[in-house]
Structures are given as structure tokens and as C-alpha cells.
Amino acid sequence: MSVDDSRHLVALLCRTSDRSAAGMAGAAALGERLGARAVGSVGQARDTPFAQDLEESRGCLLEAGGQIDDAMEAGKVPILLAGSCAIGVATLPVVARHHPDALVLWLDAHPDFNTPQTSSSQFLAGMGLAGACGVWDSGFGAGLEPANVVMFGVREVEGGERVLLTRHGVGTIDRPGPLADLLDSRKVFIHLDLDILDPDVLPSDFPAAGGLDFEQLHRLLDLVCGAAELVGIEITGAHPDYVDELADVLEPVL
């Protein structure tokens, strides 16, 4: 499979908040399959609270934001593969700085809109979007307007998250047709956590029943790329045993 030379394709292998090694190994395997440039090395997974992960993974998070920044400065479309959604605390503020009016399309089983005060798990990856929107201070900046976020495929939401999502006006769409209308001719940055797929289709560290299959996700990405101007995508949650299937699914963004 060839990748458009307007794309900046990178597999970020270092640990951010990964509590298992599957995501990092998935990013490495999918990156190799797609011919991505690998940055860093697979770290050791561990169960640590958000503040410790912010400190210990600072270099990896800065690298994530730097890859988005470098690509956009060069007029390229970043495609960033990583293990954990924690990268969003660093990447999404960069997207908002370069494209303040762009829509962030959140394709994920979880909204990641917790804060240190609402999160029962204290899991950094579950706080990434809220940090980028300035709902809590991650130390990596903010600037993403919650009204510029629309979610599709989210199906597991904690109580505190639900309150924050409503309070900050984050949108949700559950059907492709209205989504295409919303995206029409807009710039869009996609956050894609592959746990949007059903766990019977793709194993996940945080399985949530009721997800998409491979063909449905391929059609969704094709719809988005046909309706909108893609300015970038970050992809997490890959599994090393399914790289051929995932490469086919991602064809529209490549």
C-alpha cells in the first residue's frame, strides 16, 4: 500500500500512560506495515497515576506534539500512530494553534473527558481531551474549543465525564449521514482510538461492546475524507496481530 507523499507518517513507540504493552506493540507493528518512521522504543507498561505519567512521560508527550507541529509547519498531513490516547494532551493543543477553526472528530469508545477530580482510575489517557480543552491544566497547554469537538462511536462514559461534556458543549453524532453534513468542506483532525471497533473484532485493553466492524470503520473514514479536508489524524489502540486488516481500514486516510 502506498502512502500519499503529502502525509507525514510516524509511529511513536515510547510510553505515555500505557498500562499494557499491546498498544505500543500495535503502533510498532502497524507502523512497520505502513512504512512509517519509528520514533523512540517500546517502553515498559505499568499502572501509575496521571501525575506520575505526566512527569515520567514528558519527553514522549512533547515528541507527540512536536511531530504534529513539524508536519503542519511543513504543510503536510500528520498521521501519528501511538500506544495511548494520552498523546492528546500534547497533540490537540498544537492542532488548535495551527487550525483554530478545524473540527476534531473524536472516534473512540470513550470520551477521555475526565479530570483529576472526576476520574476514578486516575488514568492519564482518560483525561486527554479534557486537558486539551482546558478543563484541567495538564501543563501542555490547551486552546481546543469544546464546541469544535464532535464525537462518534462513544459508548462508555463515566458520570463525571457526562456532566463535563454537557457543560462544555461537546457534540455527539451517532449516524454517518448527519456527520457528513456537519463535515461538509470543513477542515477536520481525526482522533481515532481503535477501540471504536467492537472487541469481538479487535482486542482492546478497555473493551466496550457495541462497536463497529472493520468494514464499517473503513466506510466511515472514506466518508469523512470525502466530505472534509483532512488536516491530520492520530491513531491509538492498534493490535499487533491485526495489522493487515487495520492497514486496509486506514486506506482512505493514507
Protein backbone atom coordinates (compact mmCIF):
# COMPACT_ATOMS: atom_id res chain seq x y z
CA MET A 1 0.00 0.00 0.00
CA SER A 2 1.42 3.40 -0.97
CA VAL A 3 1.12 6.40 1.30
CA ASP A 4 0.45 9.83 -0.20
CA ASP A 5 3.67 11.87 -0.08
CA SER A 6 1.70 14.77 1.39
CA ARG A 7 1.41 12.65 4.55
CA HIS A 8 3.85 12.70 7.48
CA LEU A 9 3.62 9.15 8.83
CA VAL A 10 5.24 8.43 12.20
CA ALA A 11 4.95 5.60 14.73
CA LEU A 12 5.64 6.92 18.23
CA LEU A 13 6.71 3.90 20.26
CA CYS A 14 7.56 5.36 23.66
CA ARG A 15 5.30 5.00 26.69
CA THR A 16 2.92 7.76 27.77
CA SER A 17 0.37 6.17 30.12
CA ASP A 18 0.19 2.63 28.74
CA ARG A 19 -0.96 0.08 31.31
CA SER A 20 -0.30 -2.80 28.93
CA ALA A 21 2.25 -3.20 26.15
CA ALA A 22 -0.33 -4.08 23.48
CA GLY A 23 -0.87 -0.52 22.24
CA MET A 24 2.83 0.26 21.90
CA ALA A 25 3.46 -3.09 20.18
CA GLY A 26 0.48 -2.41 17.92
CA ALA A 27 1.82 1.01 16.95
CA ALA A 28 5.21 -0.54 16.16
CA ALA A 29 3.75 -3.37 14.06
CA LEU A 30 1.26 -1.17 12.21
CA GLY A 31 3.94 1.45 11.62
CA GLU A 32 6.23 -1.19 10.11
CA ARG A 33 3.39 -2.47 7.94
CA LEU A 34 2.66 1.04 6.63
CA GLY A 35 6.29 2.12 6.25
CA ALA A 36 6.13 4.74 9.00
CA ARG A 37 9.19 6.32 10.53
CA ALA A 38 9.61 4.87 14.01
CA VAL A 39 10.41 7.28 16.84
CA GLY A 40 11.55 6.03 20.25
CA SER A 41 11.37 2.50 21.55
CA VAL A 42 8.65 0.46 23.21
CA GLY A 43 8.59 1.25 26.92
CA GLN A 44 7.58 -0.79 29.93
CA ALA A 45 3.87 -0.78 30.64
CA ARG A 46 2.83 -0.04 34.21
CA ASP A 47 -0.15 1.10 36.25
CA THR A 48 0.75 4.55 37.51
CA PRO A 49 -1.36 7.63 38.36
CA PHE A 50 -1.71 10.54 35.96
CA ALA A 51 0.69 12.91 37.75
CA GLN A 52 3.50 10.37 37.62
CA ASP A 53 2.82 9.64 33.96
CA LEU A 54 2.83 13.36 33.13
CA GLU A 55 6.25 13.70 34.71
CA GLU A 56 7.87 10.48 33.54
CA SER A 57 6.44 10.60 30.01
CA ARG A 58 7.01 14.30 29.40
CA GLY A 59 9.61 13.69 26.70
CA CYS A 60 7.35 11.28 24.82
CA LEU A 61 4.37 13.63 25.05
CA LEU A 62 6.48 16.55 23.82
CA GLU A 63 7.63 14.37 20.92
CA ALA A 64 3.99 13.62 20.04
CA GLY A 65 3.13 17.30 19.90
CA GLY A 66 6.35 18.06 18.06
CA GLN A 67 5.57 15.56 15.30
CA ILE A 68 2.20 17.22 14.69
CA ASP A 69 3.79 20.66 14.77
CA ASP A 70 6.61 19.74 12.37
CA ALA A 71 4.21 18.21 9.86
CA MET A 72 1.81 21.13 9.89
CA GLU A 73 4.63 23.66 9.64
CA ALA A 74 5.80 21.80 6.53
CA GLY A 75 2.31 21.81 5.01
CA LYS A 76 1.93 18.05 5.41
CA VAL A 77 -0.84 15.97 6.92
CA PRO A 78 0.40 14.22 10.08
CA ILE A 79 -0.52 10.59 10.65
CA LEU A 80 0.66 9.72 14.15
CA LEU A 81 0.49 6.17 15.48
CA ALA A 82 0.86 5.75 19.24
CA GLY A 83 0.01 3.36 22.02
CA SER A 84 -2.18 5.52 24.22
CA CYS A 85 -4.71 8.33 23.91
CA ALA A 86 -2.66 10.29 26.46
CA ILE A 87 -0.87 11.87 23.49
CA GLY A 88 -3.92 14.10 23.07
CA VAL A 89 -2.86 16.38 25.94
CA ALA A 90 0.10 17.42 23.79
CA THR A 91 -1.12 16.96 20.20
CA LEU A 92 -4.54 18.59 20.25
CA PRO A 93 -3.36 22.00 21.54
CA VAL A 94 -0.93 22.04 18.59
CA VAL A 95 -3.76 21.24 16.18
CA ALA A 96 -5.84 24.06 17.67
CA ARG A 97 -2.96 26.50 17.26
CA HIS A 98 -2.44 25.66 13.58
CA HIS A 99 -6.12 25.21 12.70
CA PRO A 100 -8.26 27.02 15.31
CA ASP A 101 -11.45 26.51 13.31
CA ALA A 102 -10.87 22.84 12.47
CA LEU A 103 -13.28 20.24 13.77
CA VAL A 104 -11.80 17.49 15.91
CA LEU A 105 -13.64 14.29 15.08
CA TRP A 106 -13.42 12.02 18.10
CA LEU A 107 -13.71 8.36 17.05
CA ASP A 108 -13.37 6.41 20.28
CA ALA A 109 -15.38 4.17 22.59
CA HIS A 110 -14.56 6.61 25.43
CA PRO A 111 -14.70 10.42 25.58
CA ASP A 112 -11.47 10.83 27.60
CA PHE A 113 -13.08 13.88 29.20
CA ASN A 114 -12.26 13.13 32.82
CA THR A 115 -10.23 15.40 35.08
CA PRO A 116 -8.12 14.53 38.11
CA GLN A 117 -11.19 15.36 40.20
CA THR A 118 -13.67 13.14 38.30
CA SER A 119 -11.50 10.16 37.32
CA SER A 120 -11.87 7.06 39.47
CA SER A 121 -8.89 5.40 37.77
CA GLN A 122 -6.55 8.44 37.67
CA PHE A 123 -5.65 7.24 34.16
CA LEU A 124 -3.99 9.97 32.09
CA ALA A 125 -5.32 8.61 28.80
CA GLY A 126 -8.84 9.10 30.12
CA MET A 127 -8.17 12.83 30.62
CA GLY A 128 -6.51 13.77 27.33
CA LEU A 129 -9.32 15.58 25.56
CA ALA A 130 -10.39 17.47 28.68
CA GLY A 131 -6.82 18.67 29.15
CA ALA A 132 -6.58 19.90 25.56
CA CYS A 133 -9.86 21.78 26.07
CA GLY A 134 -8.52 23.48 29.19
CA VAL A 135 -10.93 21.76 31.59
CA TRP A 136 -7.88 20.89 33.71
CA ASP A 137 -4.25 22.02 33.47
CA SER A 138 -2.04 19.30 32.04
CA GLY A 139 0.98 21.57 31.65
CA PHE A 140 0.92 21.04 27.88
CA GLY A 141 -1.36 23.93 27.02
CA ALA A 142 -4.93 23.97 25.79
CA GLY A 143 -6.75 26.05 23.18
CA LEU A 144 -9.07 23.44 21.71
CA GLU A 145 -12.63 24.77 21.83
CA PRO A 146 -15.03 22.07 23.09
CA ALA A 147 -17.61 23.31 20.57
CA ASN A 148 -15.15 22.26 17.83
CA VAL A 149 -15.24 18.63 19.00
CA VAL A 150 -17.77 16.09 17.77
CA MET A 151 -17.85 12.50 18.99
CA PHE A 152 -18.86 9.39 17.08
CA GLY A 153 -18.85 5.86 18.48
CA VAL A 154 -18.54 6.82 22.15
CA ARG A 155 -20.42 4.32 24.29
CA GLU A 156 -18.76 4.19 27.73
CA VAL A 157 -19.00 7.45 29.68
CA GLU A 158 -18.38 7.97 33.39
CA GLY A 159 -20.82 10.07 35.38
CA GLY A 160 -18.45 12.96 35.95
CA GLU A 161 -17.47 12.97 32.30
CA ARG A 162 -21.09 13.14 31.21
CA VAL A 163 -21.62 16.27 33.30
CA LEU A 164 -18.49 17.92 31.88
CA LEU A 165 -19.35 17.03 28.28
CA THR A 166 -22.77 18.63 28.66
CA ARG A 167 -21.44 21.66 30.50
CA HIS A 168 -18.79 22.36 27.86
CA GLY A 169 -20.98 21.69 24.84
CA VAL A 170 -19.11 18.78 23.25
CA GLY A 171 -21.20 17.42 20.39
CA THR A 172 -22.17 13.82 19.62
CA ILE A 173 -23.43 12.32 16.37
CA ASP A 174 -24.47 8.69 16.06
CA ARG A 175 -25.24 8.35 12.33
CA PRO A 176 -22.93 8.79 9.31
CA GLY A 177 -25.37 10.89 7.26
CA PRO A 178 -25.63 13.83 9.69
CA LEU A 179 -21.89 13.57 10.27
CA ALA A 180 -21.19 14.03 6.56
CA ASP A 181 -23.44 17.10 6.54
CA LEU A 182 -21.58 18.57 9.50
CA LEU A 183 -18.17 17.93 7.95
CA ASP A 184 -19.04 19.31 4.53
CA SER A 185 -15.96 21.18 3.25
CA ARG A 186 -14.59 21.73 6.77
CA LYS A 187 -11.08 21.11 7.96
CA VAL A 188 -11.04 18.08 10.25
CA PHE A 189 -8.49 16.44 12.51
CA ILE A 190 -9.34 12.85 13.46
CA HIS A 191 -8.62 11.26 16.79
CA LEU A 192 -9.04 7.53 16.19
CA ASP A 193 -8.82 5.11 19.08
CA LEU A 194 -9.29 1.72 17.52
CA ASP A 195 -11.40 0.60 20.46
CA ILE A 196 -14.18 2.19 18.41
CA LEU A 197 -14.16 -1.28 16.87
CA ASP A 198 -16.12 -3.96 18.66
CA PRO A 199 -13.91 -6.09 20.95
CA ASP A 200 -15.11 -9.18 19.06
CA VAL A 201 -13.42 -7.63 16.01
CA LEU A 202 -10.26 -6.18 17.58
CA PRO A 203 -8.96 -6.95 21.10
CA SER A 204 -8.76 -3.90 23.34
CA ASP A 205 -7.34 -3.02 26.74
CA PHE A 206 -10.64 -1.31 27.53
CA PRO A 207 -13.29 -3.32 25.65
CA ALA A 208 -16.71 -1.79 25.09
CA ALA A 209 -19.37 -3.87 23.36
CA GLY A 210 -21.41 -2.41 20.53
CA GLY A 211 -18.60 -1.10 18.35
CA LEU A 212 -18.02 -1.05 14.60
CA ASP A 213 -16.61 -3.78 12.41
CA PHE A 214 -13.68 -3.28 10.03
CA GLU A 215 -15.86 -2.55 7.01
CA GLN A 216 -17.99 -0.02 8.89
CA LEU A 217 -14.91 1.87 10.07
CA HIS A 218 -13.44 1.85 6.56
CA ARG A 219 -16.66 3.31 5.18
CA LEU A 220 -16.74 5.93 7.93
CA LEU A 221 -13.19 7.08 7.22
CA ASP A 222 -13.93 7.12 3.49
CA LEU A 223 -17.00 9.29 4.14
CA VAL A 224 -15.01 11.71 6.30
CA CYS A 225 -12.17 12.05 3.80
CA GLY A 226 -14.67 12.58 1.00
CA ALA A 227 -16.63 15.25 2.83
CA ALA A 228 -13.92 17.21 4.64
CA GLU A 229 -10.36 18.46 4.29
CA LEU A 230 -8.23 16.16 6.43
CA VAL A 231 -5.55 18.12 8.31
CA GLY A 232 -4.28 15.20 10.37
CA ILE A 233 -5.05 12.04 12.30
CA GLU A 234 -3.75 10.35 15.44
CA ILE A 235 -4.34 6.63 15.81
CA THR A 236 -4.09 4.62 19.01
CA GLY A 237 -5.12 1.19 20.20
CA ALA A 238 -3.75 -0.91 17.33
CA HIS A 239 -3.12 -4.60 17.96
CA PRO A 240 -0.01 -6.29 16.53
CA ASP A 241 -1.94 -9.36 15.34
CA TYR A 242 -4.30 -7.36 13.09
CA VAL A 243 -2.05 -5.05 11.12
CA ASP A 244 -3.14 -6.25 7.67
CA GLU A 245 -6.81 -5.68 8.49
CA LEU A 246 -6.04 -2.27 10.01
CA ALA A 247 -3.94 -1.22 7.03
CA ASP A 248 -6.95 -1.90 4.78
CA VAL A 249 -9.28 0.01 7.13
CA LEU A 250 -6.97 3.05 7.15
CA GLU A 251 -6.61 3.21 3.35
CA PRO A 252 -8.82 6.33 3.00
CA VAL A 253 -6.54 8.45 5.21
CA LEU A 254 -3.32 7.16 3.66
